[in-house]
Amino acid sequence: MVKRLVLDEKLDTAAADKLRDAIVSAETDDIVADGAGVAVLGALCLELLMSARVLWTQNGKSFVLENPSEPLVENLVRFGVTPDHFEGSVA
């Protein structure tokens, strides 16, 4: 099963608990995270996204970032990450 997550506009420290809960609730599913509306990405939410990607991959699941907004891409690059880190396929 594929779980679609629409990422919030502001993925800052205040949004981290909500993001974590959304990711954990999909622990048995492949995840497609839609980043089209993201304007701000903080370090804590980036850490959650990257950790989820690693865990999902280790468990044979997909964690894909779809439609990253320009501000999201810029924030990723600022942290030394590219959207390619989240590429993959969803079954």
Protein backbone atom coordinates (compact mmCIF):
# COMPACT_ATOMS: atom_id res chain seq x y z
CA MET A 1 0.00 0.00 0.00
CA VAL A 2 1.19 3.55 -0.74
CA LYS A 3 0.70 6.35 1.77
CA ARG A 4 0.74 9.88 0.32
CA LEU A 5 1.97 12.61 2.65
CA VAL A 6 1.42 16.23 1.68
CA LEU A 7 4.25 18.07 3.40
CA ASP A 8 3.40 21.28 5.27
CA GLU A 9 4.46 24.70 4.01
CA LYS A 10 6.75 25.22 7.00
CA LEU A 11 8.80 22.19 8.01
CA ASP A 12 10.43 23.87 10.97
CA THR A 13 10.93 22.72 14.56
CA ALA A 14 7.27 23.39 15.37
CA ALA A 15 6.22 21.01 12.56
CA ALA A 16 8.55 18.17 13.55
CA ASP A 17 6.13 16.29 15.85
CA LYS A 18 3.37 16.33 13.24
CA LEU A 19 5.76 15.15 10.53
CA ARG A 20 7.13 12.39 12.75
CA ASP A 21 3.61 11.21 13.60
CA ALA A 22 2.63 11.15 9.91
CA ILE A 23 5.70 9.12 9.03
CA VAL A 24 5.28 6.67 11.91
CA SER A 25 1.60 6.13 11.04
CA ALA A 26 2.72 4.85 7.62
CA GLU A 27 5.41 2.50 8.89
CA THR A 28 4.13 -0.52 6.95
CA ASP A 29 3.46 1.40 3.72
CA ASP A 30 5.51 2.84 0.91
CA ILE A 31 5.53 6.64 1.25
CA VAL A 32 5.25 9.35 -1.39
CA ALA A 33 5.92 12.72 0.23
CA ASP A 34 4.58 15.63 -1.84
CA GLY A 35 6.83 18.66 -1.38
CA ALA A 36 5.05 21.02 -3.79
CA GLY A 37 3.91 23.40 -1.06
CA VAL A 38 7.05 23.49 1.07
CA ALA A 39 8.51 26.98 1.59
CA VAL A 40 10.76 26.33 4.61
CA LEU A 41 12.78 23.26 5.61
CA GLY A 42 14.53 23.15 8.95
CA ALA A 43 17.25 20.78 10.08
CA LEU A 44 15.04 18.69 12.38
CA CYS A 45 12.46 17.94 9.68
CA LEU A 46 15.22 17.21 7.19
CA GLU A 47 16.65 14.74 9.68
CA LEU A 48 13.23 13.07 10.00
CA LEU A 49 12.84 12.79 6.23
CA MET A 50 16.34 11.43 5.73
CA SER A 51 16.04 8.96 8.60
CA ALA A 52 12.70 7.73 7.28
CA ARG A 53 14.22 7.25 3.82
CA VAL A 54 17.00 5.09 5.31
CA LEU A 55 14.65 3.06 7.52
CA TRP A 56 12.13 2.48 4.74
CA THR A 57 14.87 1.36 2.37
CA GLN A 58 16.29 -1.02 4.98
CA ASN A 59 12.80 -2.50 5.41
CA GLY A 60 12.28 -3.00 1.67
CA LYS A 61 9.87 -0.09 1.36
CA SER A 62 10.00 3.08 -0.73
CA PHE A 63 10.19 6.64 0.56
CA VAL A 64 9.99 9.05 -2.35
CA LEU A 65 9.94 12.86 -2.44
CA GLU A 66 7.62 14.03 -5.20
CA ASN A 67 7.14 17.51 -6.67
CA PRO A 68 9.74 19.32 -4.56
CA SER A 69 9.09 23.07 -4.62
CA GLU A 70 11.91 25.42 -5.59
CA PRO A 71 12.29 26.64 -1.98
CA LEU A 72 12.45 23.02 -0.81
CA VAL A 73 15.18 22.22 -3.34
CA GLU A 74 17.09 25.36 -2.29
CA ASN A 75 16.82 24.37 1.38
CA LEU A 76 17.96 20.82 0.64
CA VAL A 77 21.00 22.12 -1.26
CA ARG A 78 21.78 24.50 1.61
CA PHE A 79 22.04 21.42 3.84
CA GLY A 80 24.17 19.58 1.28
CA VAL A 81 21.40 17.26 0.07
CA THR A 82 19.70 17.01 -3.31
CA PRO A 83 16.22 15.75 -4.16
CA ASP A 84 17.99 12.77 -5.78
CA HIS A 85 18.59 11.44 -2.27
CA PHE A 86 14.85 10.70 -2.10
CA GLU A 87 14.44 9.17 -5.55
CA GLY A 88 13.18 5.66 -5.91
CA SER A 89 10.16 3.76 -7.00
CA VAL A 90 6.89 3.07 -5.29
CA ALA A 91 5.37 -0.33 -5.88
